Amino acid sequence: MIEINIRKYLEDKLKVPVYMEHRDREKGSYIIMEKLGGTMRDQIYRSSYAFQSYGDRMLDVLKLNDSLVQAMLVYPDCGASKLDSNYNFTDTSTKKYRYQAVFDIVF
């Protein structure tokens, strides 16, 4: 599963926890990774992933998001990794700062 490889790659590269779902009471900076969907044609997979960067301050979130984008643009274990969109996605219900980057990945 490419999700396991991406998760490990980002944790090693960014030195922050990367989760596939929310945990109870996360603190500090971390990333939530979510597969949005995908297709397969001629044995080539194409999937979209959302990466939500969280932090205690907006500046922390912006720095983490920028580092995430730079890391995913050169992700080595795929045919292509393209940034689809990148935007402020602050969670108004929990009042947590977050940024979201959506990538299309071919593998």
C-alpha atoms as a PDB file:
ATOM      1  CA  MET A   1       0.000   0.000   0.000  1.00  0.00           C
ATOM      2  CA  ILE A   2       1.444   3.314  -1.074  1.00  0.00           C
ATOM      3  CA  GLU A   3      -0.254   5.070   1.867  1.00  0.00           C
ATOM      4  CA  ILE A   4       2.082   3.316   4.313  1.00  0.00           C
ATOM      5  CA  ASN A   5       5.127   4.362   2.275  1.00  0.00           C
ATOM      6  CA  ILE A   6       3.972   7.987   2.002  1.00  0.00           C
ATOM      7  CA  ARG A   7       3.245   8.142   5.729  1.00  0.00           C
ATOM      8  CA  LYS A   8       6.688   6.809   6.668  1.00  0.00           C
ATOM      9  CA  TYR A   9       8.414   9.060   4.130  1.00  0.00           C
ATOM     10  CA  LEU A  10       6.741  12.187   5.510  1.00  0.00           C
ATOM     11  CA  GLU A  11       7.392  11.261   9.149  1.00  0.00           C
ATOM     12  CA  ASP A  12      11.081  10.685   8.389  1.00  0.00           C
ATOM     13  CA  LYS A  13      11.416  13.809   6.258  1.00  0.00           C
ATOM     14  CA  LEU A  14       9.334  16.278   8.313  1.00  0.00           C
ATOM     15  CA  LYS A  15       9.894  14.903  11.835  1.00  0.00           C
ATOM     16  CA  VAL A  16       6.211  15.235  12.801  1.00  0.00           C
ATOM     17  CA  PRO A  17       3.537  12.569  13.330  1.00  0.00           C
ATOM     18  CA  VAL A  18       1.465  11.647  10.276  1.00  0.00           C
ATOM     19  CA  TYR A  19      -1.909  10.062  11.038  1.00  0.00           C
ATOM     20  CA  MET A  20      -4.521   8.454   8.812  1.00  0.00           C
ATOM     21  CA  GLU A  21      -7.255   9.604  11.208  1.00  0.00           C
ATOM     22  CA  HIS A  22      -7.635  11.921  14.176  1.00  0.00           C
ATOM     23  CA  ARG A  23      -6.434  10.755  17.569  1.00  0.00           C
ATOM     24  CA  ASP A  24      -7.682  11.957  20.932  1.00  0.00           C
ATOM     25  CA  ARG A  25      -6.263  15.351  21.842  1.00  0.00           C
ATOM     26  CA  GLU A  26      -3.431  15.793  19.366  1.00  0.00           C
ATOM     27  CA  LYS A  27      -0.966  18.485  20.419  1.00  0.00           C
ATOM     28  CA  GLY A  28       1.597  20.507  18.522  1.00  0.00           C
ATOM     29  CA  SER A  29       2.291  20.049  14.831  1.00  0.00           C
ATOM     30  CA  TYR A  30       1.097  16.986  12.935  1.00  0.00           C
ATOM     31  CA  ILE A  31      -0.396  15.908   9.608  1.00  0.00           C
ATOM     32  CA  ILE A  32      -3.602  14.043   8.782  1.00  0.00           C
ATOM     33  CA  MET A  33      -3.416  12.153   5.482  1.00  0.00           C
ATOM     34  CA  GLU A  34      -6.582  11.099   3.656  1.00  0.00           C
ATOM     35  CA  LYS A  35      -7.094   9.289   0.356  1.00  0.00           C
ATOM     36  CA  LEU A  36      -9.787  11.102  -1.610  1.00  0.00           C
ATOM     37  CA  GLY A  37     -10.153   8.595  -4.430  1.00  0.00           C
ATOM     38  CA  GLY A  38      -8.390   6.948  -7.293  1.00  0.00           C
ATOM     39  CA  THR A  39      -8.473   4.945 -10.498  1.00  0.00           C
ATOM     40  CA  MET A  40      -6.456   2.254 -12.240  1.00  0.00           C
ATOM     41  CA  ARG A  41      -5.948   1.891 -15.974  1.00  0.00           C
ATOM     42  CA  ASP A  42      -3.420  -0.351 -17.715  1.00  0.00           C
ATOM     43  CA  GLN A  43      -1.971  -1.322 -14.319  1.00  0.00           C
ATOM     44  CA  ILE A  44      -1.220   2.330 -13.509  1.00  0.00           C
ATOM     45  CA  TYR A  45      -2.806   3.772 -10.358  1.00  0.00           C
ATOM     46  CA  ARG A  46      -3.779   7.418 -10.013  1.00  0.00           C
ATOM     47  CA  SER A  47      -4.951   8.617  -6.633  1.00  0.00           C
ATOM     48  CA  SER A  48      -5.703  11.919  -4.938  1.00  0.00           C
ATOM     49  CA  TYR A  49      -4.632  12.575  -1.358  1.00  0.00           C
ATOM     50  CA  ALA A  50      -5.397  15.410   1.029  1.00  0.00           C
ATOM     51  CA  PHE A  51      -2.729  16.341   3.565  1.00  0.00           C
ATOM     52  CA  GLN A  52      -3.931  18.527   6.406  1.00  0.00           C
ATOM     53  CA  SER A  53      -1.149  20.269   8.338  1.00  0.00           C
ATOM     54  CA  TYR A  54      -2.043  21.236  11.916  1.00  0.00           C
ATOM     55  CA  GLY A  55      -0.230  23.416  14.424  1.00  0.00           C
ATOM     56  CA  ASP A  56      -0.669  25.655  17.440  1.00  0.00           C
ATOM     57  CA  ARG A  57      -0.052  28.859  15.453  1.00  0.00           C
ATOM     58  CA  MET A  58      -0.821  29.827  11.865  1.00  0.00           C
ATOM     59  CA  LEU A  59       2.881  30.409  11.205  1.00  0.00           C
ATOM     60  CA  ASP A  60       3.664  26.842  12.350  1.00  0.00           C
ATOM     61  CA  VAL A  61       0.977  25.504  10.014  1.00  0.00           C
ATOM     62  CA  LEU A  62       2.270  27.522   7.062  1.00  0.00           C
ATOM     63  CA  LYS A  63       5.841  26.281   7.619  1.00  0.00           C
ATOM     64  CA  LEU A  64       4.730  22.663   7.991  1.00  0.00           C
ATOM     65  CA  ASN A  65       2.519  22.914   4.893  1.00  0.00           C
ATOM     66  CA  ASP A  66       5.373  24.390   2.854  1.00  0.00           C
ATOM     67  CA  SER A  67       7.726  21.612   3.983  1.00  0.00           C
ATOM     68  CA  LEU A  68       5.064  19.016   3.150  1.00  0.00           C
ATOM     69  CA  VAL A  69       4.541  20.429  -0.347  1.00  0.00           C
ATOM     70  CA  GLN A  70       8.289  20.502  -1.037  1.00  0.00           C
ATOM     71  CA  ALA A  71       8.661  16.899   0.195  1.00  0.00           C
ATOM     72  CA  MET A  72       5.724  15.573  -1.833  1.00  0.00           C
ATOM     73  CA  LEU A  73       6.837  17.283  -5.046  1.00  0.00           C
ATOM     74  CA  VAL A  74       9.955  15.100  -4.967  1.00  0.00           C
ATOM     75  CA  TYR A  75       8.373  11.957  -3.469  1.00  0.00           C
ATOM     76  CA  PRO A  76      10.662   9.210  -4.833  1.00  0.00           C
ATOM     77  CA  ASP A  77       8.369   6.146  -4.812  1.00  0.00           C
ATOM     78  CA  CYS A  78       5.941   7.158  -7.562  1.00  0.00           C
ATOM     79  CA  GLY A  79       5.755   7.999 -11.233  1.00  0.00           C
ATOM     80  CA  ALA A  80       4.524  11.520 -10.581  1.00  0.00           C
ATOM     81  CA  SER A  81       3.362  13.681  -7.699  1.00  0.00           C
ATOM     82  CA  LYS A  82       1.532  16.872  -8.647  1.00  0.00           C
ATOM     83  CA  LEU A  83       0.119  19.557  -6.376  1.00  0.00           C
ATOM     84  CA  ASP A  84      -3.548  20.011  -7.260  1.00  0.00           C
ATOM     85  CA  SER A  85      -4.490  22.672  -4.683  1.00  0.00           C
ATOM     86  CA  ASN A  86      -3.184  24.249  -1.513  1.00  0.00           C
ATOM     87  CA  TYR A  87      -5.225  26.457   0.817  1.00  0.00           C
ATOM     88  CA  ASN A  88      -6.077  27.624   4.325  1.00  0.00           C
ATOM     89  CA  PHE A  89      -8.510  25.125   5.840  1.00  0.00           C
ATOM     90  CA  THR A  90      -8.748  26.284   9.460  1.00  0.00           C
ATOM     91  CA  ASP A  91     -11.157  24.064  11.385  1.00  0.00           C
ATOM     92  CA  THR A  92     -13.806  26.415  12.758  1.00  0.00           C
ATOM     93  CA  SER A  93     -15.505  23.730  14.879  1.00  0.00           C
ATOM     94  CA  THR A  94     -12.346  22.898  16.869  1.00  0.00           C
ATOM     95  CA  LYS A  95     -10.680  26.286  16.316  1.00  0.00           C
ATOM     96  CA  LYS A  96      -7.468  24.548  15.184  1.00  0.00           C
ATOM     97  CA  TYR A  97      -5.249  26.103  12.550  1.00  0.00           C
ATOM     98  CA  ARG A  98      -4.789  23.902   9.494  1.00  0.00           C
ATOM     99  CA  TYR A  99      -3.742  24.085   5.880  1.00  0.00           C
ATOM    100  CA  GLN A 100      -4.666  21.526   3.238  1.00  0.00           C
ATOM    101  CA  ALA A 101      -2.623  20.404   0.245  1.00  0.00           C
ATOM    102  CA  VAL A 102      -4.180  18.050  -2.308  1.00  0.00           C
ATOM    103  CA  PHE A 103      -1.870  15.918  -4.454  1.00  0.00           C
ATOM    104  CA  ASP A 104      -2.488  13.717  -7.462  1.00  0.00           C
ATOM    105  CA  ILE A 105      -0.079  10.778  -7.357  1.00  0.00           C
ATOM    106  CA  VAL A 106       0.656   8.254 -10.123  1.00  0.00           C
ATOM    107  CA  PHE A 107       2.156   4.902  -9.153  1.00  0.00           C
END
